[in-house]
Amino acid sequence: MLKEAVLAITQVTDATFEDIALKSPIPVLVDFWATWCSPCKAVAPLLEEMSRQYEGRVQFLKLNTDENLVTPTKYGIRSIPTLLILKEGKEAGRIVGNVPKAELKKRLEAVVGK
């Protein structure tokens, strides 16, 4: 019997962003993406993998920029994918584009520690 895969990344919207991302007790990585964005699709498997590695230490979120215009505008998201790292509700890092796993890990470690 196959066990159903549990999504390790939570979808957020403009309406849920503040409660989920800004009030999180642990650091948050928000993936600003869109369905038509090839680099967004390319980085998605890496984010799934990293979300499992950092389970309990970093909360991974996805926000569709086509369906939610307020939050990307508020944070000055100009290109996607943009990965926004938040700690205690404040921006602690930003990665634009599809980056290698080592770079993403280095940036997360700088915020959450080893």
N, C-alpha and C. Protein backbone atom coordinates (compact mmCIF):
# COMPACT_ATOMS: atom_id res chain seq x y z
N MET A 1 0.84 -1.18 0.00
CA MET A 1 0.00 0.00 0.00
C MET A 1 0.89 1.25 0.00
N LEU A 2 0.62 2.13 -0.92
CA LEU A 2 1.42 3.36 -1.01
C LEU A 2 0.93 4.39 0.00
N LYS A 3 1.88 5.00 0.64
CA LYS A 3 1.54 6.06 1.59
C LYS A 3 1.44 7.37 0.81
N GLU A 4 0.38 8.09 1.03
CA GLU A 4 0.18 9.35 0.30
C GLU A 4 1.23 10.37 0.73
N ALA A 5 1.83 11.03 -0.24
CA ALA A 5 2.85 12.03 0.05
C ALA A 5 2.21 13.24 0.73
N VAL A 6 2.87 13.71 1.74
CA VAL A 6 2.39 14.90 2.45
C VAL A 6 3.12 16.10 1.88
N LEU A 7 2.37 17.12 1.50
CA LEU A 7 3.01 18.31 0.99
C LEU A 7 3.75 19.02 2.11
N ALA A 8 5.01 19.27 1.88
CA ALA A 8 5.83 19.91 2.91
C ALA A 8 5.81 21.43 2.77
N ILE A 9 5.21 21.90 1.68
CA ILE A 9 5.16 23.34 1.43
C ILE A 9 3.70 23.79 1.46
N THR A 10 3.43 24.83 2.23
CA THR A 10 2.08 25.35 2.38
C THR A 10 1.82 26.47 1.38
N GLN A 11 0.67 26.42 0.72
CA GLN A 11 0.25 27.49 -0.18
C GLN A 11 -0.32 28.63 0.68
N VAL A 12 0.09 29.86 0.40
CA VAL A 12 -0.48 31.03 1.08
C VAL A 12 -1.04 32.00 0.05
N THR A 13 -1.88 32.89 0.53
CA THR A 13 -2.49 33.92 -0.31
C THR A 13 -2.29 35.27 0.35
N ASP A 14 -2.71 36.33 -0.33
CA ASP A 14 -2.66 37.65 0.30
C ASP A 14 -3.42 37.63 1.62
N ALA A 15 -4.53 36.91 1.66
CA ALA A 15 -5.38 36.88 2.86
C ALA A 15 -4.75 36.12 4.02
N THR A 16 -3.94 35.10 3.72
CA THR A 16 -3.36 34.27 4.79
C THR A 16 -1.90 34.56 5.08
N PHE A 17 -1.27 35.37 4.26
CA PHE A 17 0.17 35.61 4.38
C PHE A 17 0.58 36.11 5.76
N GLU A 18 -0.10 37.13 6.26
CA GLU A 18 0.30 37.71 7.54
C GLU A 18 0.22 36.70 8.68
N ASP A 19 -0.91 36.00 8.77
CA ASP A 19 -1.09 35.04 9.87
C ASP A 19 -0.10 33.89 9.80
N ILE A 20 0.18 33.41 8.59
CA ILE A 20 1.04 32.23 8.46
C ILE A 20 2.52 32.62 8.41
N ALA A 21 2.88 33.59 7.58
CA ALA A 21 4.29 33.91 7.38
C ALA A 21 4.85 34.85 8.44
N LEU A 22 4.14 35.91 8.72
CA LEU A 22 4.70 36.93 9.61
C LEU A 22 4.60 36.57 11.09
N LYS A 23 3.69 35.67 11.43
CA LYS A 23 3.52 35.29 12.84
C LYS A 23 4.12 33.93 13.16
N SER A 24 4.89 33.38 12.23
CA SER A 24 5.49 32.07 12.43
C SER A 24 6.54 32.13 13.55
N PRO A 25 6.54 31.13 14.44
CA PRO A 25 7.55 31.10 15.50
C PRO A 25 8.93 30.69 15.00
N ILE A 26 8.99 30.15 13.78
CA ILE A 26 10.28 29.75 13.19
C ILE A 26 10.49 30.54 11.90
N PRO A 27 11.73 30.60 11.40
CA PRO A 27 11.97 31.30 10.13
C PRO A 27 11.13 30.71 9.00
N VAL A 28 10.85 31.55 8.01
CA VAL A 28 9.97 31.19 6.90
C VAL A 28 10.70 31.47 5.59
N LEU A 29 10.54 30.56 4.62
CA LEU A 29 10.99 30.81 3.26
C LEU A 29 9.74 30.85 2.38
N VAL A 30 9.53 31.99 1.72
CA VAL A 30 8.37 32.15 0.85
C VAL A 30 8.84 32.12 -0.60
N ASP A 31 8.28 31.19 -1.36
CA ASP A 31 8.57 31.06 -2.79
C ASP A 31 7.50 31.84 -3.56
N PHE A 32 7.88 32.98 -4.14
CA PHE A 32 6.99 33.75 -5.00
C PHE A 32 7.13 33.16 -6.40
N TRP A 33 6.04 32.65 -6.97
CA TRP A 33 6.09 31.90 -8.22
C TRP A 33 4.84 32.13 -9.05
N ALA A 34 4.85 31.55 -10.27
CA ALA A 34 3.68 31.55 -11.14
C ALA A 34 3.70 30.27 -11.97
N THR A 35 2.53 29.84 -12.41
CA THR A 35 2.42 28.57 -13.14
C THR A 35 3.17 28.57 -14.48
N TRP A 36 3.29 29.72 -15.10
CA TRP A 36 3.93 29.83 -16.42
C TRP A 36 5.45 29.98 -16.34
N CYS A 37 6.01 30.09 -15.16
CA CYS A 37 7.42 30.41 -14.95
C CYS A 37 8.28 29.13 -14.94
N SER A 38 9.09 28.94 -16.00
CA SER A 38 9.95 27.75 -16.09
C SER A 38 10.98 27.66 -14.96
N PRO A 39 11.69 28.76 -14.62
CA PRO A 39 12.63 28.67 -13.49
C PRO A 39 11.92 28.33 -12.16
N CYS A 40 10.67 28.77 -12.02
CA CYS A 40 9.90 28.44 -10.81
C CYS A 40 9.67 26.94 -10.74
N LYS A 41 9.33 26.35 -11.88
CA LYS A 41 9.11 24.89 -11.94
C LYS A 41 10.42 24.15 -11.67
N ALA A 42 11.52 24.71 -12.14
CA ALA A 42 12.82 24.07 -11.95
C ALA A 42 13.25 24.06 -10.49
N VAL A 43 12.94 25.11 -9.75
CA VAL A 43 13.37 25.20 -8.35
C VAL A 43 12.42 24.45 -7.41
N ALA A 44 11.21 24.13 -7.85
CA ALA A 44 10.21 23.49 -6.99
C ALA A 44 10.68 22.18 -6.35
N PRO A 45 11.28 21.24 -7.10
CA PRO A 45 11.73 19.99 -6.46
C PRO A 45 12.80 20.23 -5.39
N LEU A 46 13.68 21.18 -5.61
CA LEU A 46 14.70 21.52 -4.63
C LEU A 46 14.04 22.04 -3.35
N LEU A 47 13.04 22.90 -3.50
CA LEU A 47 12.35 23.44 -2.33
C LEU A 47 11.62 22.34 -1.56
N GLU A 48 11.02 21.39 -2.29
CA GLU A 48 10.37 20.25 -1.63
C GLU A 48 11.39 19.47 -0.79
N GLU A 49 12.54 19.20 -1.39
CA GLU A 49 13.60 18.46 -0.70
C GLU A 49 14.09 19.23 0.53
N MET A 50 14.34 20.51 0.35
CA MET A 50 14.84 21.34 1.46
C MET A 50 13.80 21.47 2.57
N SER A 51 12.52 21.51 2.21
CA SER A 51 11.47 21.64 3.22
C SER A 51 11.46 20.43 4.14
N ARG A 52 11.81 19.28 3.61
CA ARG A 52 11.88 18.07 4.45
C ARG A 52 13.15 18.10 5.31
N GLN A 53 14.26 18.57 4.74
CA GLN A 53 15.51 18.66 5.50
C GLN A 53 15.40 19.63 6.67
N TYR A 54 14.66 20.71 6.47
CA TYR A 54 14.57 21.76 7.49
C TYR A 54 13.25 21.70 8.26
N GLU A 55 12.56 20.57 8.18
CA GLU A 55 11.28 20.42 8.86
C GLU A 55 11.43 20.74 10.34
N GLY A 56 10.54 21.59 10.84
CA GLY A 56 10.59 21.99 12.24
C GLY A 56 11.51 23.17 12.51
N ARG A 57 12.38 23.51 11.53
CA ARG A 57 13.30 24.64 11.70
C ARG A 57 12.99 25.80 10.77
N VAL A 58 12.41 25.49 9.60
CA VAL A 58 12.02 26.51 8.63
C VAL A 58 10.67 26.11 8.05
N GLN A 59 9.76 27.07 7.98
CA GLN A 59 8.47 26.82 7.35
C GLN A 59 8.56 27.28 5.89
N PHE A 60 8.24 26.38 4.95
CA PHE A 60 8.29 26.69 3.53
C PHE A 60 6.89 27.01 3.03
N LEU A 61 6.78 28.14 2.33
CA LEU A 61 5.49 28.60 1.80
C LEU A 61 5.62 28.92 0.32
N LYS A 62 4.50 28.85 -0.42
CA LYS A 62 4.45 29.24 -1.83
C LYS A 62 3.33 30.27 -1.98
N LEU A 63 3.61 31.33 -2.74
CA LEU A 63 2.60 32.34 -3.03
C LEU A 63 2.57 32.58 -4.54
N ASN A 64 1.43 32.30 -5.16
CA ASN A 64 1.26 32.49 -6.60
C ASN A 64 1.09 33.98 -6.89
N THR A 65 2.03 34.54 -7.64
CA THR A 65 2.04 35.99 -7.88
C THR A 65 0.97 36.43 -8.88
N ASP A 66 0.43 35.50 -9.66
CA ASP A 66 -0.65 35.86 -10.59
C ASP A 66 -1.99 35.99 -9.86
N GLU A 67 -2.16 35.19 -8.83
CA GLU A 67 -3.43 35.16 -8.09
C GLU A 67 -3.42 36.10 -6.88
N ASN A 68 -2.25 36.54 -6.47
CA ASN A 68 -2.10 37.39 -5.28
C ASN A 68 -1.18 38.55 -5.63
N LEU A 69 -1.73 39.74 -5.73
CA LEU A 69 -0.96 40.89 -6.18
C LEU A 69 -0.47 41.78 -5.04
N VAL A 70 -1.15 41.76 -3.92
CA VAL A 70 -0.84 42.68 -2.82
C VAL A 70 0.51 42.36 -2.17
N THR A 71 0.71 41.12 -1.77
CA THR A 71 1.94 40.75 -1.05
C THR A 71 3.20 40.92 -1.89
N PRO A 72 3.21 40.45 -3.15
CA PRO A 72 4.42 40.67 -3.96
C PRO A 72 4.73 42.16 -4.14
N THR A 73 3.71 42.98 -4.30
CA THR A 73 3.91 44.42 -4.44
C THR A 73 4.49 45.00 -3.16
N LYS A 74 3.94 44.59 -2.02
CA LYS A 74 4.40 45.08 -0.72
C LYS A 74 5.88 44.78 -0.49
N TYR A 75 6.33 43.61 -0.95
CA TYR A 75 7.72 43.20 -0.74
C TYR A 75 8.63 43.51 -1.93
N GLY A 76 8.11 44.22 -2.91
CA GLY A 76 8.94 44.64 -4.05
C GLY A 76 9.43 43.48 -4.90
N ILE A 77 8.60 42.46 -5.05
CA ILE A 77 8.97 41.31 -5.88
C ILE A 77 8.85 41.73 -7.34
N ARG A 78 9.97 41.78 -8.05
CA ARG A 78 10.00 42.25 -9.43
C ARG A 78 10.21 41.13 -10.44
N SER A 79 10.80 40.02 -9.98
CA SER A 79 10.99 38.88 -10.88
C SER A 79 10.80 37.61 -10.07
N ILE A 80 10.47 36.54 -10.78
CA ILE A 80 10.24 35.27 -10.11
C ILE A 80 11.07 34.18 -10.78
N PRO A 81 11.45 33.16 -10.05
CA PRO A 81 11.14 32.98 -8.64
C PRO A 81 11.97 33.90 -7.74
N THR A 82 11.33 34.39 -6.71
CA THR A 82 12.03 35.08 -5.63
C THR A 82 11.74 34.31 -4.36
N LEU A 83 12.78 33.97 -3.64
CA LEU A 83 12.66 33.28 -2.36
C LEU A 83 12.95 34.31 -1.27
N LEU A 84 11.95 34.59 -0.47
CA LEU A 84 12.07 35.58 0.59
C LEU A 84 12.20 34.83 1.91
N ILE A 85 13.25 35.12 2.66
CA ILE A 85 13.46 34.48 3.96
C ILE A 85 13.07 35.49 5.04
N LEU A 86 12.14 35.07 5.88
CA LEU A 86 11.65 35.94 6.96
C LEU A 86 12.01 35.32 8.30
N LYS A 87 12.40 36.16 9.23
CA LYS A 87 12.67 35.72 10.60
C LYS A 87 12.01 36.73 11.52
N GLU A 88 11.15 36.22 12.40
CA GLU A 88 10.40 37.09 13.32
C GLU A 88 9.62 38.15 12.56
N GLY A 89 9.09 37.77 11.38
CA GLY A 89 8.25 38.67 10.59
C GLY A 89 9.00 39.71 9.78
N LYS A 90 10.32 39.67 9.81
CA LYS A 90 11.12 40.66 9.07
C LYS A 90 11.99 39.95 8.03
N GLU A 91 12.26 40.66 6.93
CA GLU A 91 13.07 40.07 5.87
C GLU A 91 14.49 39.84 6.37
N ALA A 92 14.96 38.58 6.21
CA ALA A 92 16.31 38.22 6.64
C ALA A 92 17.16 37.79 5.46
N GLY A 93 16.54 37.69 4.29
CA GLY A 93 17.28 37.29 3.10
C GLY A 93 16.37 37.23 1.90
N ARG A 94 16.98 37.31 0.72
CA ARG A 94 16.22 37.28 -0.53
C ARG A 94 17.10 36.64 -1.59
N ILE A 95 16.53 35.68 -2.30
CA ILE A 95 17.23 35.00 -3.38
C ILE A 95 16.36 35.13 -4.62
N VAL A 96 16.94 35.67 -5.70
CA VAL A 96 16.19 35.83 -6.94
C VAL A 96 16.72 34.86 -7.98
N GLY A 97 15.81 34.10 -8.59
CA GLY A 97 16.21 33.16 -9.62
C GLY A 97 16.40 31.76 -9.09
N ASN A 98 16.69 30.86 -10.00
CA ASN A 98 16.92 29.46 -9.68
C ASN A 98 18.37 29.31 -9.23
N VAL A 99 18.58 29.01 -7.96
CA VAL A 99 19.95 28.93 -7.43
C VAL A 99 20.31 27.48 -7.11
N PRO A 100 21.60 27.16 -7.10
CA PRO A 100 22.03 25.81 -6.73
C PRO A 100 21.69 25.49 -5.28
N LYS A 101 21.55 24.21 -4.98
CA LYS A 101 21.21 23.75 -3.63
C LYS A 101 22.20 24.29 -2.59
N ALA A 102 23.48 24.27 -2.92
CA ALA A 102 24.50 24.73 -1.96
C ALA A 102 24.28 26.19 -1.57
N GLU A 103 23.91 27.02 -2.54
CA GLU A 103 23.67 28.44 -2.25
C GLU A 103 22.44 28.61 -1.38
N LEU A 104 21.37 27.90 -1.69
CA LEU A 104 20.15 27.98 -0.89
C LEU A 104 20.43 27.51 0.54
N LYS A 105 21.14 26.42 0.67
CA LYS A 105 21.47 25.88 2.00
C LYS A 105 22.30 26.89 2.80
N LYS A 106 23.29 27.50 2.14
CA LYS A 106 24.14 28.49 2.80
C LYS A 106 23.31 29.66 3.32
N ARG A 107 22.38 30.13 2.50
CA ARG A 107 21.54 31.27 2.89
C ARG A 107 20.59 30.91 4.03
N LEU A 108 20.05 29.70 3.99
CA LEU A 108 19.16 29.26 5.09
C LEU A 108 19.94 29.08 6.38
N GLU A 109 21.12 28.46 6.29
CA GLU A 109 21.94 28.25 7.48
C GLU A 109 22.33 29.56 8.15
N ALA A 110 22.53 30.60 7.35
CA ALA A 110 22.89 31.92 7.90
C ALA A 110 21.76 32.46 8.78
N VAL A 111 20.53 32.07 8.47
CA VAL A 111 19.38 32.56 9.22
C VAL A 111 19.01 31.63 10.38
N VAL A 112 19.01 30.32 10.13
CA VAL A 112 18.55 29.38 11.16
C VAL A 112 19.67 28.77 11.98
N GLY A 113 20.89 28.84 11.50
CA GLY A 113 21.99 28.20 12.20
C GLY A 113 22.06 26.72 11.85
N LYS A 114 23.06 26.07 12.31
CA LYS A 114 23.27 24.68 11.93
C LYS A 114 22.44 23.72 12.74
